[in-house]
Amino acid sequence: MHCNFCNKEAVVNLRPFRVKLCSEHFLEHLTNRVKRTILRYKLIEEGEKILVATSGGKDSATLLHILHKLSNELNFKVYGFHLNVGINDFSEESEEVAVSLFKTLGIEYKVIRVNEIFGLSITEISKEVKRPICSICGLTKRYITNFVAVYSNLNKIATGHNLDDIFSYVVKSFISYLARRPHAYAWG
């Protein structure tokens, strides 16, 4: 299978677009889609300062790369942010990846560690308040990321969530809602 635009081997087949793309043309396609979406919905205005929350995973790393690439063309500034939640070696490795990415791209960045703010890791906080770690982690990430953006006088926050993340959140929330109200759905 070859790329529709060159003779290189295609790495992806985008069936909805009826196109097969090599890695170079896939990145170009993805960047153009993000650019069109930003312009169409006026997600980022000229001169704005955008905080890109970067976990160190592929979704946020891709978002950071694309927004960094578009920042000169669309005249906005990107700032990197990583929140180390303190989950064993995983958080340390994620921080290393994020910081390396910020440095490689030459992006100003800030790293905050949850345990330096609260004196506890997310895992320890979860045990203290007797709530699931995902619940505590999500709430903490949103709060601290919003605080950093407001305190740093940045205009917007960009996160690398994908449709799977959103779907998972909606389904979990719906099931949790139903579990709290079983009587409302009973017959008779």
N, C-alpha and C. Protein backbone atom coordinates (compact mmCIF):
# COMPACT_ATOMS: atom_id res chain seq x y z
N MET A 1 0.85 -1.17 0.00
CA MET A 1 0.00 0.00 0.00
C MET A 1 0.90 1.24 0.00
N HIS A 2 0.72 2.09 -0.98
CA HIS A 2 1.53 3.30 -1.13
C HIS A 2 0.71 4.55 -0.85
N CYS A 3 1.42 5.58 -0.45
CA CYS A 3 0.82 6.88 -0.18
C CYS A 3 0.21 7.42 -1.47
N ASN A 4 -0.95 8.08 -1.35
CA ASN A 4 -1.62 8.67 -2.50
C ASN A 4 -0.86 9.86 -3.08
N PHE A 5 0.06 10.44 -2.31
CA PHE A 5 0.75 11.65 -2.75
C PHE A 5 2.21 11.46 -3.09
N CYS A 6 2.76 10.31 -2.75
CA CYS A 6 4.16 10.03 -3.08
C CYS A 6 4.32 8.52 -3.20
N ASN A 7 5.47 8.06 -3.43
CA ASN A 7 5.70 6.63 -3.64
C ASN A 7 6.12 5.90 -2.36
N LYS A 8 6.12 6.61 -1.23
CA LYS A 8 6.50 5.99 0.04
C LYS A 8 5.40 5.04 0.51
N GLU A 9 5.79 4.15 1.40
CA GLU A 9 4.82 3.21 1.95
C GLU A 9 3.84 3.96 2.85
N ALA A 10 2.56 3.69 2.69
CA ALA A 10 1.52 4.32 3.51
C ALA A 10 1.53 3.68 4.90
N VAL A 11 1.38 4.53 5.92
CA VAL A 11 1.32 4.03 7.29
C VAL A 11 -0.09 4.08 7.84
N VAL A 12 -0.97 4.75 7.11
CA VAL A 12 -2.36 4.87 7.56
C VAL A 12 -3.29 4.92 6.35
N ASN A 13 -4.44 4.31 6.53
CA ASN A 13 -5.49 4.33 5.51
C ASN A 13 -6.68 5.05 6.12
N LEU A 14 -6.91 6.28 5.70
CA LEU A 14 -8.02 7.08 6.23
C LEU A 14 -9.25 6.86 5.35
N ARG A 15 -10.00 5.85 5.69
CA ARG A 15 -11.14 5.47 4.86
C ARG A 15 -12.17 6.58 4.65
N PRO A 16 -12.51 7.36 5.69
CA PRO A 16 -13.49 8.43 5.45
C PRO A 16 -13.03 9.45 4.41
N PHE A 17 -11.72 9.60 4.26
CA PHE A 17 -11.17 10.54 3.29
C PHE A 17 -10.73 9.86 2.00
N ARG A 18 -10.86 8.53 1.98
CA ARG A 18 -10.45 7.72 0.84
C ARG A 18 -9.01 8.03 0.43
N VAL A 19 -8.12 7.98 1.43
CA VAL A 19 -6.73 8.31 1.16
C VAL A 19 -5.82 7.44 2.03
N LYS A 20 -4.69 7.07 1.43
CA LYS A 20 -3.64 6.33 2.13
C LYS A 20 -2.44 7.28 2.20
N LEU A 21 -1.83 7.39 3.39
CA LEU A 21 -0.79 8.38 3.58
C LEU A 21 0.46 7.79 4.24
N CYS A 22 1.62 8.30 3.81
CA CYS A 22 2.87 8.00 4.49
C CYS A 22 2.90 8.86 5.76
N SER A 23 3.89 8.67 6.60
CA SER A 23 3.93 9.42 7.86
C SER A 23 4.02 10.93 7.63
N GLU A 24 4.81 11.35 6.64
CA GLU A 24 4.96 12.77 6.35
C GLU A 24 3.65 13.41 5.90
N HIS A 25 2.95 12.75 4.98
CA HIS A 25 1.69 13.29 4.49
C HIS A 25 0.57 13.16 5.52
N PHE A 26 0.66 12.16 6.39
CA PHE A 26 -0.33 12.04 7.45
C PHE A 26 -0.21 13.21 8.43
N LEU A 27 1.02 13.55 8.80
CA LEU A 27 1.23 14.68 9.71
C LEU A 27 0.76 15.98 9.06
N GLU A 28 1.02 16.13 7.77
CA GLU A 28 0.56 17.31 7.04
C GLU A 28 -0.97 17.36 7.03
N HIS A 29 -1.61 16.23 6.76
CA HIS A 29 -3.07 16.14 6.74
C HIS A 29 -3.65 16.50 8.11
N LEU A 30 -3.08 15.92 9.16
CA LEU A 30 -3.56 16.17 10.52
C LEU A 30 -3.38 17.63 10.92
N THR A 31 -2.23 18.20 10.60
CA THR A 31 -1.96 19.60 10.91
C THR A 31 -2.95 20.51 10.18
N ASN A 32 -3.22 20.22 8.92
CA ASN A 32 -4.18 21.03 8.15
C ASN A 32 -5.59 20.93 8.71
N ARG A 33 -5.97 19.75 9.18
CA ARG A 33 -7.30 19.58 9.79
C ARG A 33 -7.41 20.38 11.08
N VAL A 34 -6.36 20.35 11.88
CA VAL A 34 -6.36 21.13 13.13
C VAL A 34 -6.44 22.62 12.80
N LYS A 35 -5.65 23.06 11.82
CA LYS A 35 -5.65 24.47 11.42
C LYS A 35 -7.03 24.91 10.95
N ARG A 36 -7.65 24.11 10.10
CA ARG A 36 -8.99 24.45 9.60
C ARG A 36 -10.00 24.53 10.75
N THR A 37 -9.89 23.62 11.69
CA THR A 37 -10.80 23.62 12.84
C THR A 37 -10.59 24.85 13.71
N ILE A 38 -9.34 25.20 13.97
CA ILE A 38 -9.03 26.40 14.75
C ILE A 38 -9.63 27.63 14.08
N LEU A 39 -9.43 27.76 12.77
CA LEU A 39 -9.92 28.93 12.04
C LEU A 39 -11.44 28.93 11.94
N ARG A 40 -12.02 27.80 11.63
CA ARG A 40 -13.47 27.72 11.44
C ARG A 40 -14.24 28.09 12.71
N TYR A 41 -13.78 27.57 13.84
CA TYR A 41 -14.49 27.79 15.10
C TYR A 41 -13.85 28.88 15.96
N LYS A 42 -12.84 29.57 15.40
CA LYS A 42 -12.16 30.66 16.11
C LYS A 42 -11.71 30.21 17.50
N LEU A 43 -11.07 29.03 17.53
CA LEU A 43 -10.62 28.46 18.79
C LEU A 43 -9.42 29.21 19.36
N ILE A 44 -8.58 29.72 18.49
CA ILE A 44 -7.41 30.48 18.92
C ILE A 44 -7.36 31.75 18.07
N GLU A 45 -7.30 32.89 18.74
CA GLU A 45 -7.23 34.17 18.05
C GLU A 45 -5.77 34.64 17.98
N GLU A 46 -5.51 35.50 17.05
CA GLU A 46 -4.16 36.05 16.88
C GLU A 46 -3.69 36.71 18.18
N GLY A 47 -2.44 36.44 18.55
CA GLY A 47 -1.84 37.05 19.74
C GLY A 47 -2.15 36.34 21.05
N GLU A 48 -2.98 35.32 21.02
CA GLU A 48 -3.32 34.63 22.27
C GLU A 48 -2.17 33.77 22.76
N LYS A 49 -2.23 33.48 24.07
CA LYS A 49 -1.23 32.64 24.73
C LYS A 49 -1.95 31.37 25.18
N ILE A 50 -1.46 30.23 24.69
CA ILE A 50 -2.13 28.95 24.90
C ILE A 50 -1.29 28.05 25.80
N LEU A 51 -1.89 27.57 26.87
CA LEU A 51 -1.24 26.60 27.74
C LEU A 51 -1.57 25.21 27.23
N VAL A 52 -0.55 24.46 26.84
CA VAL A 52 -0.77 23.10 26.35
C VAL A 52 -0.40 22.12 27.47
N ALA A 53 -1.42 21.50 28.05
CA ALA A 53 -1.22 20.52 29.11
C ALA A 53 -0.65 19.26 28.46
N THR A 54 0.54 18.89 28.86
CA THR A 54 1.26 17.80 28.21
C THR A 54 1.58 16.72 29.23
N SER A 55 0.97 15.56 29.04
CA SER A 55 1.16 14.45 29.98
C SER A 55 2.44 13.67 29.71
N GLY A 56 2.90 13.73 28.48
CA GLY A 56 4.03 12.90 28.06
C GLY A 56 3.55 11.76 27.18
N GLY A 57 2.23 11.63 27.04
CA GLY A 57 1.65 10.61 26.18
C GLY A 57 1.53 11.08 24.74
N LYS A 58 1.13 10.16 23.88
CA LYS A 58 1.11 10.46 22.44
C LYS A 58 0.08 11.51 22.04
N ASP A 59 -1.07 11.54 22.70
CA ASP A 59 -2.10 12.51 22.33
C ASP A 59 -1.66 13.94 22.62
N SER A 60 -1.20 14.19 23.84
CA SER A 60 -0.78 15.55 24.18
C SER A 60 0.52 15.94 23.47
N ALA A 61 1.41 14.98 23.23
CA ALA A 61 2.64 15.26 22.49
C ALA A 61 2.32 15.67 21.06
N THR A 62 1.37 14.99 20.45
CA THR A 62 0.95 15.33 19.08
C THR A 62 0.33 16.72 19.04
N LEU A 63 -0.53 17.00 20.01
CA LEU A 63 -1.16 18.32 20.08
C LEU A 63 -0.10 19.41 20.24
N LEU A 64 0.85 19.19 21.12
CA LEU A 64 1.92 20.17 21.34
C LEU A 64 2.70 20.42 20.05
N HIS A 65 3.07 19.35 19.35
CA HIS A 65 3.81 19.49 18.09
C HIS A 65 3.01 20.30 17.07
N ILE A 66 1.75 19.95 16.92
CA ILE A 66 0.91 20.62 15.91
C ILE A 66 0.70 22.09 16.27
N LEU A 67 0.36 22.37 17.53
CA LEU A 67 0.14 23.77 17.91
C LEU A 67 1.44 24.57 17.82
N HIS A 68 2.55 23.96 18.17
CA HIS A 68 3.83 24.64 18.02
C HIS A 68 4.09 24.99 16.56
N LYS A 69 3.81 24.04 15.69
CA LYS A 69 4.01 24.26 14.25
C LYS A 69 3.10 25.37 13.73
N LEU A 70 1.86 25.40 14.20
CA LEU A 70 0.90 26.39 13.72
C LEU A 70 1.05 27.77 14.39
N SER A 71 1.75 27.82 15.51
CA SER A 71 1.81 29.06 16.29
C SER A 71 2.42 30.24 15.50
N ASN A 72 3.44 29.99 14.73
CA ASN A 72 4.03 31.08 13.93
C ASN A 72 3.10 31.50 12.80
N GLU A 73 2.53 30.52 12.14
CA GLU A 73 1.65 30.81 11.00
C GLU A 73 0.39 31.56 11.42
N LEU A 74 -0.18 31.19 12.56
CA LEU A 74 -1.43 31.81 13.02
C LEU A 74 -1.20 32.88 14.09
N ASN A 75 0.06 33.14 14.41
CA ASN A 75 0.45 34.20 15.33
C ASN A 75 -0.16 34.05 16.73
N PHE A 76 0.16 32.95 17.39
CA PHE A 76 -0.15 32.78 18.80
C PHE A 76 1.05 32.14 19.47
N LYS A 77 1.05 32.12 20.79
CA LYS A 77 2.21 31.60 21.52
C LYS A 77 1.78 30.38 22.34
N VAL A 78 2.64 29.37 22.33
CA VAL A 78 2.38 28.12 23.04
C VAL A 78 3.28 28.04 24.27
N TYR A 79 2.68 27.67 25.38
CA TYR A 79 3.42 27.42 26.63
C TYR A 79 3.14 25.98 27.04
N GLY A 80 4.17 25.28 27.45
CA GLY A 80 4.01 23.89 27.88
C GLY A 80 3.76 23.79 29.37
N PHE A 81 2.98 22.80 29.75
CA PHE A 81 2.71 22.56 31.17
C PHE A 81 2.63 21.06 31.41
N HIS A 82 3.33 20.61 32.46
CA HIS A 82 3.24 19.20 32.85
C HIS A 82 2.95 19.14 34.35
N LEU A 83 1.98 18.31 34.70
CA LEU A 83 1.63 18.09 36.10
C LEU A 83 2.05 16.68 36.48
N ASN A 84 3.02 16.58 37.38
CA ASN A 84 3.47 15.28 37.87
C ASN A 84 2.57 14.91 39.03
N VAL A 85 1.74 13.87 38.85
CA VAL A 85 0.76 13.49 39.86
C VAL A 85 1.31 12.53 40.89
N GLY A 86 2.51 12.03 40.69
CA GLY A 86 3.16 11.19 41.70
C GLY A 86 2.69 9.76 41.75
N ILE A 87 2.47 9.16 40.59
CA ILE A 87 2.09 7.75 40.54
C ILE A 87 3.33 6.93 40.18
N ASN A 88 4.03 6.49 41.20
CA ASN A 88 5.22 5.63 41.05
C ASN A 88 6.19 6.16 39.99
N ASP A 89 6.88 5.23 39.33
CA ASP A 89 7.86 5.60 38.29
C ASP A 89 7.18 6.15 37.05
N PHE A 90 5.91 5.81 36.86
CA PHE A 90 5.17 6.26 35.69
C PHE A 90 5.19 7.78 35.58
N SER A 91 4.93 8.47 36.69
CA SER A 91 4.90 9.94 36.67
C SER A 91 6.27 10.54 36.39
N GLU A 92 7.30 9.91 36.93
CA GLU A 92 8.66 10.41 36.70
C GLU A 92 9.04 10.27 35.22
N GLU A 93 8.71 9.12 34.64
CA GLU A 93 9.01 8.89 33.22
C GLU A 93 8.21 9.85 32.34
N SER A 94 6.96 10.07 32.69
CA SER A 94 6.11 10.99 31.91
C SER A 94 6.66 12.41 31.96
N GLU A 95 7.13 12.82 33.14
CA GLU A 95 7.71 14.15 33.27
C GLU A 95 8.96 14.29 32.41
N GLU A 96 9.81 13.28 32.41
CA GLU A 96 11.02 13.31 31.59
C GLU A 96 10.69 13.46 30.12
N VAL A 97 9.68 12.72 29.65
CA VAL A 97 9.27 12.80 28.25
C VAL A 97 8.75 14.20 27.93
N ALA A 98 7.87 14.72 28.78
CA ALA A 98 7.29 16.05 28.54
C ALA A 98 8.37 17.13 28.53
N VAL A 99 9.25 17.12 29.51
CA VAL A 99 10.31 18.14 29.58
C VAL A 99 11.24 18.05 28.38
N SER A 100 11.58 16.84 27.99
CA SER A 100 12.42 16.65 26.81
C SER A 100 11.75 17.23 25.56
N LEU A 101 10.46 17.02 25.45
CA LEU A 101 9.71 17.54 24.31
C LEU A 101 9.68 19.07 24.33
N PHE A 102 9.43 19.66 25.49
CA PHE A 102 9.44 21.13 25.60
C PHE A 102 10.79 21.70 25.17
N LYS A 103 11.85 21.08 25.67
CA LYS A 103 13.20 21.56 25.35
C LYS A 103 13.52 21.39 23.87
N THR A 104 13.14 20.25 23.31
CA THR A 104 13.40 19.99 21.88
C THR A 104 12.71 21.03 21.01
N LEU A 105 11.48 21.40 21.37
CA LEU A 105 10.72 22.36 20.57
C LEU A 105 11.04 23.81 20.94
N GLY A 106 11.80 24.00 22.02
CA GLY A 106 12.13 25.36 22.44
C GLY A 106 10.94 26.11 23.01
N ILE A 107 10.10 25.40 23.73
CA ILE A 107 8.88 25.98 24.29
C ILE A 107 9.09 26.29 25.77
N GLU A 108 8.68 27.49 26.18
CA GLU A 108 8.69 27.81 27.61
C GLU A 108 7.74 26.84 28.31
N TYR A 109 8.14 26.38 29.49
CA TYR A 109 7.29 25.40 30.17
C TYR A 109 7.38 25.53 31.67
N LYS A 110 6.43 24.89 32.31
CA LYS A 110 6.37 24.83 33.76
C LYS A 110 5.99 23.41 34.14
N VAL A 111 6.67 22.87 35.16
CA VAL A 111 6.34 21.56 35.72
C VAL A 111 5.93 21.77 37.17
N ILE A 112 4.81 21.20 37.54
CA ILE A 112 4.35 21.27 38.92
C ILE A 112 4.15 19.83 39.40
N ARG A 113 4.54 19.60 40.63
CA ARG A 113 4.39 18.28 41.26
C ARG A 113 3.29 18.37 42.33
N VAL A 114 2.32 17.49 42.22
CA VAL A 114 1.19 17.48 43.15
C VAL A 114 1.68 17.38 44.60
N ASN A 115 2.68 16.54 44.84
CA ASN A 115 3.13 16.36 46.22
C ASN A 115 3.80 17.62 46.79
N GLU A 116 4.31 18.50 45.93
CA GLU A 116 4.89 19.76 46.41
C GLU A 116 3.81 20.76 46.79
N ILE A 117 2.63 20.61 46.21
CA ILE A 117 1.52 21.50 46.53
C ILE A 117 0.76 21.00 47.77
N PHE A 118 0.40 19.74 47.74
CA PHE A 118 -0.45 19.17 48.80
C PHE A 118 0.30 18.37 49.84
N GLY A 119 1.56 18.07 49.59
CA GLY A 119 2.32 17.24 50.52
C GLY A 119 2.00 15.76 50.40
N LEU A 120 1.20 15.42 49.42
CA LEU A 120 0.80 14.03 49.16
C LEU A 120 0.74 13.80 47.65
N SER A 121 0.94 12.55 47.24
CA SER A 121 0.75 12.19 45.82
C SER A 121 -0.74 11.96 45.58
N ILE A 122 -1.12 11.84 44.33
CA ILE A 122 -2.51 11.54 43.99
C ILE A 122 -2.95 10.24 44.64
N THR A 123 -2.09 9.25 44.63
CA THR A 123 -2.40 7.95 45.24
C THR A 123 -2.70 8.11 46.73
N GLU A 124 -1.88 8.91 47.41
CA GLU A 124 -2.09 9.12 48.85
C GLU A 124 -3.34 9.94 49.12
N ILE A 125 -3.60 10.94 48.28
CA ILE A 125 -4.82 11.75 48.42
C ILE A 125 -6.04 10.87 48.24
N SER A 126 -6.00 10.00 47.23
CA SER A 126 -7.11 9.08 46.96
C SER A 126 -7.43 8.23 48.19
N LYS A 127 -6.41 7.73 48.84
CA LYS A 127 -6.61 6.90 50.05
C LYS A 127 -7.17 7.74 51.19
N GLU A 128 -6.67 8.96 51.35
CA GLU A 128 -7.12 9.84 52.44
C GLU A 128 -8.60 10.18 52.32
N VAL A 129 -9.03 10.52 51.11
CA VAL A 129 -10.42 10.96 50.93
C VAL A 129 -11.36 9.82 50.53
N LYS A 130 -10.78 8.63 50.39
CA LYS A 130 -11.56 7.41 50.07
C LYS A 130 -12.41 7.58 48.81
N ARG A 131 -11.73 8.07 47.77
CA ARG A 131 -12.36 8.21 46.45
C ARG A 131 -11.46 7.54 45.42
N PRO A 132 -12.04 7.11 44.29
CA PRO A 132 -11.22 6.47 43.25
C PRO A 132 -10.12 7.42 42.76
N ILE A 133 -8.98 6.86 42.46
CA ILE A 133 -7.83 7.66 42.03
C ILE A 133 -8.14 8.47 40.76
N CYS A 134 -8.92 7.90 39.83
CA CYS A 134 -9.26 8.62 38.59
C CYS A 134 -10.06 9.88 38.89
N SER A 135 -10.95 9.79 39.85
CA SER A 135 -11.77 10.93 40.25
C SER A 135 -10.90 12.04 40.81
N ILE A 136 -10.00 11.68 41.71
CA ILE A 136 -9.12 12.65 42.35
C ILE A 136 -8.14 13.23 41.33
N CYS A 137 -7.60 12.39 40.49
CA CYS A 137 -6.61 12.82 39.50
C CYS A 137 -7.21 13.83 38.52
N GLY A 138 -8.37 13.51 37.98
CA GLY A 138 -9.01 14.40 37.02
C GLY A 138 -9.35 15.75 37.61
N LEU A 139 -9.91 15.73 38.81
CA LEU A 139 -10.28 16.96 39.49
C LEU A 139 -9.04 17.81 39.79
N THR A 140 -8.00 17.16 40.29
CA THR A 140 -6.76 17.85 40.62
C THR A 140 -6.10 18.45 39.38
N LYS A 141 -6.05 17.67 38.30
CA LYS A 141 -5.45 18.17 37.05
C LYS A 141 -6.19 19.40 36.55
N ARG A 142 -7.53 19.33 36.53
CA ARG A 142 -8.31 20.47 36.05
C ARG A 142 -8.06 21.71 36.91
N TYR A 143 -8.10 21.53 38.23
CA TYR A 143 -7.93 22.66 39.13
C TYR A 143 -6.56 23.30 38.95
N ILE A 144 -5.51 22.51 39.01
CA ILE A 144 -4.16 23.06 38.94
C ILE A 144 -3.87 23.66 37.56
N THR A 145 -4.31 22.99 36.50
CA THR A 145 -4.09 23.51 35.15
C THR A 145 -4.80 24.85 34.97
N ASN A 146 -6.04 24.94 35.42
CA ASN A 146 -6.78 26.21 35.33
C ASN A 146 -6.09 27.29 36.15
N PHE A 147 -5.62 26.94 37.34
CA PHE A 147 -4.93 27.89 38.20
C PHE A 147 -3.68 28.44 37.52
N VAL A 148 -2.88 27.54 36.95
CA VAL A 148 -1.64 27.95 36.27
C VAL A 148 -1.97 28.89 35.10
N ALA A 149 -3.00 28.55 34.32
CA ALA A 149 -3.36 29.39 33.17
C ALA A 149 -3.81 30.78 33.62
N VAL A 150 -4.65 30.84 34.63
CA VAL A 150 -5.15 32.13 35.12
C VAL A 150 -4.01 32.93 35.76
N TYR A 151 -3.25 32.30 36.63
CA TYR A 151 -2.15 32.97 37.32
C TYR A 151 -1.08 33.46 36.35
N SER A 152 -0.87 32.74 35.26
CA SER A 152 0.14 33.10 34.26
C SER A 152 -0.40 34.03 33.19
N ASN A 153 -1.68 34.42 33.32
CA ASN A 153 -2.32 35.33 32.36
C ASN A 153 -2.34 34.75 30.94
N LEU A 154 -2.63 33.46 30.84
CA LEU A 154 -2.74 32.81 29.53
C LEU A 154 -4.21 32.78 29.14
N ASN A 155 -4.46 32.78 27.84
CA ASN A 155 -5.84 32.91 27.36
C ASN A 155 -6.64 31.62 27.36
N LYS A 156 -5.99 30.52 26.98
CA LYS A 156 -6.72 29.27 26.80
C LYS A 156 -5.86 28.08 27.18
N ILE A 157 -6.54 26.96 27.40
CA ILE A 157 -5.87 25.70 27.71
C ILE A 157 -6.20 24.71 26.60
N ALA A 158 -5.18 23.99 26.13
CA ALA A 158 -5.40 22.93 25.15
C ALA A 158 -4.96 21.61 25.78
N THR A 159 -5.80 20.60 25.64
CA THR A 159 -5.46 19.27 26.15
C THR A 159 -5.58 18.26 25.02
N GLY A 160 -4.83 17.19 25.13
CA GLY A 160 -4.80 16.18 24.07
C GLY A 160 -5.78 15.04 24.28
N HIS A 161 -6.99 15.36 24.66
CA HIS A 161 -7.98 14.30 24.82
C HIS A 161 -8.47 13.85 23.45
N ASN A 162 -8.76 12.56 23.35
CA ASN A 162 -9.30 12.06 22.09
C ASN A 162 -10.72 11.54 22.33
N LEU A 163 -11.37 11.11 21.28
CA LEU A 163 -12.76 10.68 21.38
C LEU A 163 -12.92 9.50 22.34
N ASP A 164 -11.94 8.61 22.39
CA ASP A 164 -12.01 7.48 23.34
C ASP A 164 -12.05 7.99 24.78
N ASP A 165 -11.25 9.01 25.09
CA ASP A 165 -11.24 9.59 26.44
C ASP A 165 -12.61 10.17 26.78
N ILE A 166 -13.17 10.91 25.85
CA ILE A 166 -14.45 11.57 26.08
C ILE A 166 -15.56 10.53 26.22
N PHE A 167 -15.56 9.55 25.35
CA PHE A 167 -16.58 8.49 25.40
C PHE A 167 -16.51 7.75 26.73
N SER A 168 -15.30 7.41 27.15
CA SER A 168 -15.11 6.71 28.42
C SER A 168 -15.65 7.55 29.58
N TYR A 169 -15.37 8.85 29.58
CA TYR A 169 -15.85 9.74 30.63
C TYR A 169 -17.38 9.80 30.65
N VAL A 170 -17.99 9.94 29.48
CA VAL A 170 -19.45 10.03 29.40
C VAL A 170 -20.10 8.75 29.89
N VAL A 171 -19.59 7.60 29.45
CA VAL A 171 -20.17 6.32 29.86
C VAL A 171 -20.02 6.12 31.37
N LYS A 172 -18.84 6.38 31.91
CA LYS A 172 -18.63 6.23 33.36
C LYS A 172 -19.56 7.16 34.13
N SER A 173 -19.70 8.39 33.67
CA SER A 173 -20.57 9.34 34.36
C SER A 173 -22.02 8.88 34.31
N PHE A 174 -22.46 8.38 33.17
CA PHE A 174 -23.84 7.92 33.02
C PHE A 174 -24.10 6.71 33.93
N ILE A 175 -23.19 5.77 33.95
CA ILE A 175 -23.37 4.58 34.80
C ILE A 175 -23.36 4.99 36.26
N SER A 176 -22.49 5.89 36.64
CA SER A 176 -22.44 6.38 38.01
C SER A 176 -23.75 7.07 38.38
N TYR A 177 -24.29 7.85 37.46
CA TYR A 177 -25.56 8.54 37.68
C TYR A 177 -26.69 7.53 37.90
N LEU A 178 -26.73 6.52 37.04
CA LEU A 178 -27.77 5.48 37.18
C LEU A 178 -27.64 4.73 38.49
N ALA A 179 -26.41 4.45 38.89
CA ALA A 179 -26.17 3.69 40.12
C ALA A 179 -26.64 4.45 41.35
N ARG A 180 -26.59 5.76 41.29
CA ARG A 180 -27.03 6.58 42.43
C ARG A 180 -28.53 6.75 42.49
N ARG A 181 -29.25 6.40 41.40
CA ARG A 181 -30.69 6.61 41.34
C ARG A 181 -31.42 5.37 40.83
N PRO A 182 -31.20 4.23 41.44
CA PRO A 182 -31.83 3.01 40.91
C PRO A 182 -33.36 3.04 40.98
N HIS A 183 -33.90 3.70 41.99
CA HIS A 183 -35.36 3.74 42.16
C HIS A 183 -36.05 4.51 41.02
N ALA A 184 -35.37 5.45 40.42
CA ALA A 184 -35.96 6.27 39.37
C ALA A 184 -36.20 5.47 38.09
N TYR A 185 -35.56 4.32 37.96
CA TYR A 185 -35.67 3.54 36.74
C TYR A 185 -36.39 2.23 36.93
N ALA A 186 -36.95 2.02 38.11
CA ALA A 186 -37.65 0.77 38.40
C ALA A 186 -39.09 0.84 37.89
N TRP A 187 -39.63 -0.32 37.54
CA TRP A 187 -41.02 -0.40 37.11
C TRP A 187 -41.91 -0.52 38.34
N GLY A 188 -43.01 0.16 38.29
CA GLY A 188 -44.02 0.01 39.33
C GLY A 188 -43.72 0.73 40.52
